[in-house]
Amino acid sequence: MDKSAAILRVADSLRSAADGAAWEQLAQMTRTLAPQLDALAAGGPLSSAERSALQRLREAHDHAADAVAAAADALKHRMDDMRANKDGWIAYAMQEA
């Protein structure tokens, strides 16, 4: 049975989660991806459509990895900025209290 439609749904969901910064959803999807791929591989040779869908899944996975890296980098910069301005943040918090 051709599984290309199911593979494409996973690819689209992965890309959508990455684009929407839905990190929990993305984490859950990536945890279940390996068993899904193992099951697909156990099903025998892949059709041309399934191989094409797997390529799109790889591209979506790469896109998600890039989105995670960019978000992590942005968070690092924000944390570095907060650390560098720690005294100012503390003074502000004390003034508001």
Protein backbone atom coordinates (compact mmCIF):
# COMPACT_ATOMS: atom_id res chain seq x y z
CA MET A 1 0.00 0.00 0.00
CA ASP A 2 1.38 3.41 -0.99
CA LYS A 3 2.22 5.51 2.06
CA SER A 4 3.26 8.67 0.26
CA ALA A 5 0.18 10.64 1.39
CA ALA A 6 0.88 9.78 5.03
CA ILE A 7 4.54 10.76 4.64
CA LEU A 8 3.54 14.06 3.05
CA ARG A 9 1.16 14.77 5.95
CA VAL A 10 4.01 14.25 8.40
CA ALA A 11 6.26 16.52 6.33
CA ASP A 12 3.62 19.24 6.19
CA SER A 13 2.95 18.95 9.92
CA LEU A 14 6.65 19.15 10.69
CA ARG A 15 7.06 22.25 8.56
CA SER A 16 3.94 23.84 10.03
CA ALA A 17 5.10 23.20 13.60
CA ALA A 18 8.49 24.72 12.82
CA ASP A 19 6.96 27.76 11.10
CA GLY A 20 4.59 28.29 14.02
CA ALA A 21 7.32 27.84 16.65
CA ALA A 22 5.23 25.02 18.16
CA TRP A 23 8.25 23.55 19.91
CA GLU A 24 6.38 20.98 22.04
CA GLN A 25 4.53 19.68 19.00
CA LEU A 26 7.75 19.60 17.02
CA ALA A 27 9.53 17.69 19.79
CA GLN A 28 6.73 15.11 19.95
CA MET A 29 6.75 14.69 16.19
CA THR A 30 10.50 14.17 16.02
CA ARG A 31 10.36 11.60 18.86
CA THR A 32 7.87 9.52 16.89
CA LEU A 33 9.54 9.99 13.51
CA ALA A 34 12.21 7.28 13.83
CA PRO A 35 9.74 4.48 14.69
CA GLN A 36 7.51 5.59 11.82
CA LEU A 37 10.45 5.46 9.41
CA ASP A 38 11.47 2.05 10.76
CA ALA A 39 7.96 0.74 10.13
CA LEU A 40 8.02 2.18 6.62
CA ALA A 41 11.37 0.54 5.89
CA ALA A 42 10.10 -2.80 7.19
CA GLY A 43 7.31 -2.67 4.64
CA GLY A 44 9.60 -3.52 1.77
CA PRO A 45 10.79 -1.54 -1.23
CA LEU A 46 9.52 2.01 -1.58
CA SER A 47 7.61 3.23 -4.58
CA SER A 48 8.77 6.23 -6.55
CA ALA A 49 6.04 8.34 -4.95
CA GLU A 50 7.12 7.21 -1.47
CA ARG A 51 10.76 8.08 -2.20
CA SER A 52 9.67 11.49 -3.43
CA ALA A 53 7.57 11.99 -0.29
CA LEU A 54 10.54 10.96 1.86
CA GLN A 55 12.66 13.59 0.13
CA ARG A 56 10.04 16.20 1.01
CA LEU A 57 10.05 14.89 4.58
CA ARG A 58 13.83 15.28 4.72
CA GLU A 59 13.51 18.86 3.47
CA ALA A 60 10.84 19.57 6.10
CA HIS A 61 13.04 18.04 8.78
CA ASP A 62 15.99 20.18 7.66
CA HIS A 63 13.72 23.23 7.70
CA ALA A 64 12.61 22.38 11.24
CA ALA A 65 16.21 21.91 12.36
CA ASP A 66 17.10 25.31 10.92
CA ALA A 67 14.11 26.89 12.71
CA VAL A 68 15.15 25.32 16.02
CA ALA A 69 18.74 26.52 15.56
CA ALA A 70 17.56 30.05 14.77
CA ALA A 71 15.25 30.11 17.80
CA ALA A 72 18.02 28.78 20.05
CA ASP A 73 20.40 31.43 18.72
CA ALA A 74 17.83 34.19 19.31
CA LEU A 75 17.26 32.92 22.85
CA LYS A 76 21.00 32.82 23.50
CA HIS A 77 21.35 36.43 22.37
CA ARG A 78 18.42 37.48 24.53
CA MET A 79 19.86 35.69 27.56
CA ASP A 80 23.29 37.23 26.92
CA ASP A 81 21.68 40.66 26.73
CA MET A 82 19.77 40.06 29.95
CA ARG A 83 22.93 38.82 31.66
CA ALA A 84 24.86 41.88 30.48
CA ASN A 85 22.12 44.18 31.79
CA LYS A 86 21.45 42.24 34.98
CA ASP A 87 22.02 45.22 37.26
CA GLY A 88 19.54 47.29 35.30
CA TRP A 89 16.92 44.52 35.44
CA ILE A 90 17.39 44.18 39.21
CA ALA A 91 17.12 47.94 39.73
CA TYR A 92 13.97 48.07 37.62
CA ALA A 93 12.41 45.16 39.51
CA MET A 94 13.21 46.76 42.86
CA GLN A 95 11.75 50.09 41.77
CA GLU A 96 8.50 48.43 40.63
CA ALA A 97 8.11 46.49 43.90
